[in-house]
Amino acid sequence: MNGQERLVRQSKTWLLKALFDLLAEQPYEDISVREIAEKAQLSRRTFYRLYKNKEDLLNSYNSEIGSQYLSELVKFGSGGATLEEGLTFFFEFWWREREQIRLLMRQGLYGRFLEAMNPHVIKIYQRFPAPWHMKGTEKEKTYFMMFAVGGLWNVLGNWLIESEPQSPENMASLMISGVMSLQDEV
């Protein structure tokens, strides 16, 4: 990576941090590009070289975190993981992002986050081979993944807003217990 690329990456990091700092202080609708640039100690011109507007900046976080999750998941699961190990990974990853996710939720932006994550769902299923994946047509897999992931996103959202959330490991165990009880009923 050359010096220019490092400067661009650092500027993007500063702008994103500034956005989240401002989200902790005021409503998203009230935040201006000028405020984001000032908080990041960068010019508006630099902001506009990198992003079209604040929505573009927020979308970049959503997209980048989805790609990061996919990348880490593929590395994690390359040896084949159990469902419980996969769920533990899921909760541990998002636990690291909990402050940002909580801010998005408080600001009513969690839906945008989920919309940005949904395209990664099928990629995740395809690139993360696991012995517990379902068999079926691509259409069946797509709908099942949307069903399962929709539930996981709701669990994630509820878990992260708790004042004293359980550990990622406990959450994975809780989900496994729920799946097992469903299996007994089917």
C-alpha atoms as a PDB file:
ATOM      1  CA  MET A   1       0.000   0.000   0.000  1.00  0.00           C
ATOM      2  CA  ASN A   2       1.467   3.351  -1.005  1.00  0.00           C
ATOM      3  CA  GLY A   3       1.305   6.589   0.975  1.00  0.00           C
ATOM      4  CA  GLN A   4      -1.744   7.910  -0.902  1.00  0.00           C
ATOM      5  CA  GLU A   5      -3.714   4.723  -0.236  1.00  0.00           C
ATOM      6  CA  ARG A   6      -2.784   4.849   3.456  1.00  0.00           C
ATOM      7  CA  LEU A   7      -3.920   8.476   3.646  1.00  0.00           C
ATOM      8  CA  VAL A   8      -7.263   7.620   2.002  1.00  0.00           C
ATOM      9  CA  ARG A   9      -7.789   4.684   4.383  1.00  0.00           C
ATOM     10  CA  GLN A  10      -6.906   6.837   7.418  1.00  0.00           C
ATOM     11  CA  SER A  11      -9.229   9.626   6.265  1.00  0.00           C
ATOM     12  CA  LYS A  12     -12.093   7.144   5.847  1.00  0.00           C
ATOM     13  CA  THR A  13     -11.422   5.771   9.329  1.00  0.00           C
ATOM     14  CA  TRP A  14     -11.444   9.267  10.847  1.00  0.00           C
ATOM     15  CA  LEU A  15     -14.659  10.223   9.039  1.00  0.00           C
ATOM     16  CA  LEU A  16     -16.418   7.065  10.153  1.00  0.00           C
ATOM     17  CA  LYS A  17     -15.286   7.562  13.755  1.00  0.00           C
ATOM     18  CA  ALA A  18     -16.497  11.164  13.581  1.00  0.00           C
ATOM     19  CA  LEU A  19     -19.898  10.015  12.307  1.00  0.00           C
ATOM     20  CA  PHE A  20     -20.305   7.519  15.153  1.00  0.00           C
ATOM     21  CA  ASP A  21     -19.117  10.083  17.714  1.00  0.00           C
ATOM     22  CA  LEU A  22     -21.753  12.489  16.429  1.00  0.00           C
ATOM     23  CA  LEU A  23     -24.416   9.757  16.426  1.00  0.00           C
ATOM     24  CA  ALA A  24     -23.772   9.408  20.162  1.00  0.00           C
ATOM     25  CA  GLU A  25     -24.461  13.137  20.621  1.00  0.00           C
ATOM     26  CA  GLN A  26     -27.310  14.043  18.266  1.00  0.00           C
ATOM     27  CA  PRO A  27     -29.918  12.696  15.837  1.00  0.00           C
ATOM     28  CA  TYR A  28     -28.622  11.414  12.512  1.00  0.00           C
ATOM     29  CA  GLU A  29     -30.927  13.787  10.623  1.00  0.00           C
ATOM     30  CA  ASP A  30     -29.276  16.780  12.305  1.00  0.00           C
ATOM     31  CA  ILE A  31     -25.703  15.761  11.496  1.00  0.00           C
ATOM     32  CA  SER A  32     -24.147  17.644   8.595  1.00  0.00           C
ATOM     33  CA  VAL A  33     -21.202  16.806   6.377  1.00  0.00           C
ATOM     34  CA  ARG A  34     -19.517  19.933   7.740  1.00  0.00           C
ATOM     35  CA  GLU A  35     -19.817  18.598  11.310  1.00  0.00           C
ATOM     36  CA  ILE A  36     -18.471  15.192  10.313  1.00  0.00           C
ATOM     37  CA  ALA A  37     -15.484  16.729   8.518  1.00  0.00           C
ATOM     38  CA  GLU A  38     -14.752  19.106  11.402  1.00  0.00           C
ATOM     39  CA  LYS A  39     -14.976  16.324  13.981  1.00  0.00           C
ATOM     40  CA  ALA A  40     -12.569  14.260  11.845  1.00  0.00           C
ATOM     41  CA  GLN A  41     -10.313  17.322  11.490  1.00  0.00           C
ATOM     42  CA  LEU A  42     -10.543  17.059   7.706  1.00  0.00           C
ATOM     43  CA  SER A  43     -11.865  19.423   5.085  1.00  0.00           C
ATOM     44  CA  ARG A  44     -15.286  19.099   3.479  1.00  0.00           C
ATOM     45  CA  ARG A  45     -13.426  18.777   0.212  1.00  0.00           C
ATOM     46  CA  THR A  46     -11.709  15.628   1.513  1.00  0.00           C
ATOM     47  CA  PHE A  47     -15.077  14.281   2.633  1.00  0.00           C
ATOM     48  CA  TYR A  48     -16.589  14.839  -0.817  1.00  0.00           C
ATOM     49  CA  ARG A  49     -13.602  13.231  -2.538  1.00  0.00           C
ATOM     50  CA  LEU A  50     -14.391  10.061  -0.618  1.00  0.00           C
ATOM     51  CA  TYR A  51     -18.192  10.132  -0.202  1.00  0.00           C
ATOM     52  CA  LYS A  52     -21.211  11.662  -1.929  1.00  0.00           C
ATOM     53  CA  ASN A  53     -22.990  12.467   1.341  1.00  0.00           C
ATOM     54  CA  LYS A  54     -23.392  11.220   4.919  1.00  0.00           C
ATOM     55  CA  GLU A  55     -25.635   8.377   3.729  1.00  0.00           C
ATOM     56  CA  ASP A  56     -22.804   7.167   1.510  1.00  0.00           C
ATOM     57  CA  LEU A  57     -20.467   7.242   4.538  1.00  0.00           C
ATOM     58  CA  LEU A  58     -22.947   5.242   6.628  1.00  0.00           C
ATOM     59  CA  ASN A  59     -23.488   2.789   3.761  1.00  0.00           C
ATOM     60  CA  SER A  60     -19.735   2.304   3.514  1.00  0.00           C
ATOM     61  CA  TYR A  61     -19.672   1.153   7.158  1.00  0.00           C
ATOM     62  CA  ASN A  62     -22.547  -1.239   6.539  1.00  0.00           C
ATOM     63  CA  SER A  63     -20.906  -2.678   3.441  1.00  0.00           C
ATOM     64  CA  GLU A  64     -17.412  -2.897   4.920  1.00  0.00           C
ATOM     65  CA  ILE A  65     -18.561  -4.583   8.126  1.00  0.00           C
ATOM     66  CA  GLY A  66     -20.539  -7.114   6.073  1.00  0.00           C
ATOM     67  CA  SER A  67     -17.479  -7.880   3.965  1.00  0.00           C
ATOM     68  CA  GLN A  68     -15.311  -8.121   7.074  1.00  0.00           C
ATOM     69  CA  TYR A  69     -17.771 -10.543   8.682  1.00  0.00           C
ATOM     70  CA  LEU A  70     -17.817 -12.701   5.543  1.00  0.00           C
ATOM     71  CA  SER A  71     -14.024 -12.703   5.312  1.00  0.00           C
ATOM     72  CA  GLU A  72     -13.527 -13.650   8.962  1.00  0.00           C
ATOM     73  CA  LEU A  73     -16.266 -16.271   8.780  1.00  0.00           C
ATOM     74  CA  VAL A  74     -14.661 -17.946   5.779  1.00  0.00           C
ATOM     75  CA  LYS A  75     -11.308 -18.087   7.606  1.00  0.00           C
ATOM     76  CA  PHE A  76     -12.992 -19.364  10.761  1.00  0.00           C
ATOM     77  CA  GLY A  77     -15.045 -22.046   9.063  1.00  0.00           C
ATOM     78  CA  SER A  78     -12.489 -23.384   6.618  1.00  0.00           C
ATOM     79  CA  GLY A  79     -12.119 -26.547   8.703  1.00  0.00           C
ATOM     80  CA  GLY A  80     -15.851 -27.114   9.030  1.00  0.00           C
ATOM     81  CA  ALA A  81     -17.594 -25.898  12.147  1.00  0.00           C
ATOM     82  CA  THR A  82     -20.510 -27.132  14.184  1.00  0.00           C
ATOM     83  CA  LEU A  83     -23.667 -25.062  14.354  1.00  0.00           C
ATOM     84  CA  GLU A  84     -22.833 -24.036  17.918  1.00  0.00           C
ATOM     85  CA  GLU A  85     -19.327 -22.937  16.885  1.00  0.00           C
ATOM     86  CA  GLY A  86     -20.823 -20.949  13.998  1.00  0.00           C
ATOM     87  CA  LEU A  87     -23.318 -19.249  16.298  1.00  0.00           C
ATOM     88  CA  THR A  88     -20.596 -18.483  18.842  1.00  0.00           C
ATOM     89  CA  PHE A  89     -18.548 -16.890  16.073  1.00  0.00           C
ATOM     90  CA  PHE A  90     -21.590 -14.839  14.998  1.00  0.00           C
ATOM     91  CA  PHE A  91     -22.205 -13.484  18.491  1.00  0.00           C
ATOM     92  CA  GLU A  92     -18.509 -12.858  19.193  1.00  0.00           C
ATOM     93  CA  PHE A  93     -18.058 -10.920  15.963  1.00  0.00           C
ATOM     94  CA  TRP A  94     -21.068  -8.664  16.535  1.00  0.00           C
ATOM     95  CA  TRP A  95     -20.152  -8.240  20.209  1.00  0.00           C
ATOM     96  CA  ARG A  96     -17.009  -6.461  19.017  1.00  0.00           C
ATOM     97  CA  GLU A  97     -19.231  -4.084  16.993  1.00  0.00           C
ATOM     98  CA  ARG A  98     -21.841  -3.644  19.733  1.00  0.00           C
ATOM     99  CA  GLU A  99     -21.277   0.072  20.357  1.00  0.00           C
ATOM    100  CA  GLN A 100     -21.781   0.939  16.688  1.00  0.00           C
ATOM    101  CA  ILE A 101     -24.775  -1.392  16.377  1.00  0.00           C
ATOM    102  CA  ARG A 102     -26.338   0.084  19.524  1.00  0.00           C
ATOM    103  CA  LEU A 103     -25.928   3.583  18.108  1.00  0.00           C
ATOM    104  CA  LEU A 104     -27.521   2.516  14.829  1.00  0.00           C
ATOM    105  CA  MET A 105     -30.429   1.027  16.767  1.00  0.00           C
ATOM    106  CA  ARG A 106     -30.910   4.118  18.940  1.00  0.00           C
ATOM    107  CA  GLN A 107     -30.871   6.288  15.825  1.00  0.00           C
ATOM    108  CA  GLY A 108     -33.405   4.120  13.959  1.00  0.00           C
ATOM    109  CA  LEU A 109     -30.732   3.081  11.438  1.00  0.00           C
ATOM    110  CA  TYR A 110     -30.608  -0.640  12.234  1.00  0.00           C
ATOM    111  CA  GLY A 111     -32.984  -1.383   9.344  1.00  0.00           C
ATOM    112  CA  ARG A 112     -30.521   0.184   6.901  1.00  0.00           C
ATOM    113  CA  PHE A 113     -27.785  -1.922   8.428  1.00  0.00           C
ATOM    114  CA  LEU A 114     -29.859  -5.089   7.944  1.00  0.00           C
ATOM    115  CA  GLU A 115     -30.669  -4.154   4.346  1.00  0.00           C
ATOM    116  CA  ALA A 116     -26.960  -3.810   3.651  1.00  0.00           C
ATOM    117  CA  MET A 117     -26.227  -7.152   5.320  1.00  0.00           C
ATOM    118  CA  ASN A 118     -28.872  -9.200   3.477  1.00  0.00           C
ATOM    119  CA  PRO A 119     -26.947  -9.437   0.175  1.00  0.00           C
ATOM    120  CA  HIS A 120     -24.110 -11.079   2.119  1.00  0.00           C
ATOM    121  CA  VAL A 121     -26.385 -13.855   3.393  1.00  0.00           C
ATOM    122  CA  ILE A 122     -26.255 -16.088   0.332  1.00  0.00           C
ATOM    123  CA  LYS A 123     -22.535 -15.391  -0.126  1.00  0.00           C
ATOM    124  CA  ILE A 124     -22.023 -16.497   3.452  1.00  0.00           C
ATOM    125  CA  TYR A 125     -23.948 -19.706   2.857  1.00  0.00           C
ATOM    126  CA  GLN A 126     -22.033 -20.450  -0.343  1.00  0.00           C
ATOM    127  CA  ARG A 127     -18.558 -19.592   0.969  1.00  0.00           C
ATOM    128  CA  PHE A 128     -18.934 -21.087   4.439  1.00  0.00           C
ATOM    129  CA  PRO A 129     -19.315 -24.839   3.987  1.00  0.00           C
ATOM    130  CA  ALA A 130     -20.679 -26.525   7.068  1.00  0.00           C
ATOM    131  CA  PRO A 131     -21.951 -30.035   7.683  1.00  0.00           C
ATOM    132  CA  TRP A 132     -25.231 -28.668   9.064  1.00  0.00           C
ATOM    133  CA  HIS A 133     -26.190 -26.738   5.912  1.00  0.00           C
ATOM    134  CA  MET A 134     -29.476 -27.787   4.391  1.00  0.00           C
ATOM    135  CA  LYS A 135     -29.799 -29.609   1.097  1.00  0.00           C
ATOM    136  CA  GLY A 136     -32.182 -28.357  -1.526  1.00  0.00           C
ATOM    137  CA  THR A 137     -32.605 -26.086  -4.509  1.00  0.00           C
ATOM    138  CA  GLU A 138     -31.005 -22.661  -4.632  1.00  0.00           C
ATOM    139  CA  LYS A 139     -34.437 -21.116  -4.121  1.00  0.00           C
ATOM    140  CA  GLU A 140     -35.088 -23.245  -1.024  1.00  0.00           C
ATOM    141  CA  LYS A 141     -31.664 -22.375   0.395  1.00  0.00           C
ATOM    142  CA  THR A 142     -32.196 -18.674  -0.280  1.00  0.00           C
ATOM    143  CA  TYR A 143     -35.559 -18.561   1.476  1.00  0.00           C
ATOM    144  CA  PHE A 144     -34.352 -20.662   4.378  1.00  0.00           C
ATOM    145  CA  MET A 145     -31.302 -18.443   4.855  1.00  0.00           C
ATOM    146  CA  MET A 146     -33.458 -15.312   4.821  1.00  0.00           C
ATOM    147  CA  PHE A 147     -35.742 -16.965   7.385  1.00  0.00           C
ATOM    148  CA  ALA A 148     -32.862 -18.041   9.638  1.00  0.00           C
ATOM    149  CA  VAL A 149     -30.867 -14.842   9.300  1.00  0.00           C
ATOM    150  CA  GLY A 150     -33.918 -12.667   9.880  1.00  0.00           C
ATOM    151  CA  GLY A 151     -34.336 -14.424  13.197  1.00  0.00           C
ATOM    152  CA  LEU A 152     -30.645 -14.059  14.036  1.00  0.00           C
ATOM    153  CA  TRP A 153     -30.691 -10.307  13.263  1.00  0.00           C
ATOM    154  CA  ASN A 154     -33.683  -9.889  15.573  1.00  0.00           C
ATOM    155  CA  VAL A 155     -31.961 -11.892  18.301  1.00  0.00           C
ATOM    156  CA  LEU A 156     -28.806  -9.815  17.788  1.00  0.00           C
ATOM    157  CA  GLY A 157     -30.728  -6.562  18.086  1.00  0.00           C
ATOM    158  CA  ASN A 158     -32.544  -7.628  21.242  1.00  0.00           C
ATOM    159  CA  TRP A 159     -29.390  -9.049  22.782  1.00  0.00           C
ATOM    160  CA  LEU A 160     -27.294  -5.936  22.198  1.00  0.00           C
ATOM    161  CA  ILE A 161     -29.821  -3.553  23.733  1.00  0.00           C
ATOM    162  CA  GLU A 162     -30.010  -5.498  26.984  1.00  0.00           C
ATOM    163  CA  SER A 163     -28.454  -3.625  29.897  1.00  0.00           C
ATOM    164  CA  GLU A 164     -26.513  -6.745  30.903  1.00  0.00           C
ATOM    165  CA  PRO A 165     -26.242  -8.973  27.822  1.00  0.00           C
ATOM    166  CA  GLN A 166     -25.245 -12.603  28.156  1.00  0.00           C
ATOM    167  CA  SER A 167     -21.878 -13.717  26.804  1.00  0.00           C
ATOM    168  CA  PRO A 168     -21.616 -14.709  23.125  1.00  0.00           C
ATOM    169  CA  GLU A 169     -21.048 -18.318  24.233  1.00  0.00           C
ATOM    170  CA  ASN A 170     -24.229 -18.305  26.337  1.00  0.00           C
ATOM    171  CA  MET A 171     -26.195 -16.838  23.444  1.00  0.00           C
ATOM    172  CA  ALA A 172     -24.966 -19.600  21.119  1.00  0.00           C
ATOM    173  CA  SER A 173     -25.958 -22.245  23.681  1.00  0.00           C
ATOM    174  CA  LEU A 174     -29.367 -20.639  24.093  1.00  0.00           C
ATOM    175  CA  MET A 175     -29.921 -20.727  20.316  1.00  0.00           C
ATOM    176  CA  ILE A 176     -28.842 -24.377  20.130  1.00  0.00           C
ATOM    177  CA  SER A 177     -31.283 -25.251  22.913  1.00  0.00           C
ATOM    178  CA  GLY A 178     -34.050 -23.516  20.983  1.00  0.00           C
ATOM    179  CA  VAL A 179     -33.221 -25.331  17.760  1.00  0.00           C
ATOM    180  CA  MET A 180     -33.099 -28.662  19.580  1.00  0.00           C
ATOM    181  CA  SER A 181     -36.510 -28.071  21.169  1.00  0.00           C
ATOM    182  CA  LEU A 182     -37.935 -27.243  17.725  1.00  0.00           C
ATOM    183  CA  GLN A 183     -36.433 -30.430  16.336  1.00  0.00           C
ATOM    184  CA  ASP A 184     -38.268 -32.417  19.012  1.00  0.00           C
ATOM    185  CA  GLU A 185     -41.548 -30.845  17.879  1.00  0.00           C
ATOM    186  CA  VAL A 186     -41.129 -31.430  14.131  1.00  0.00           C
END
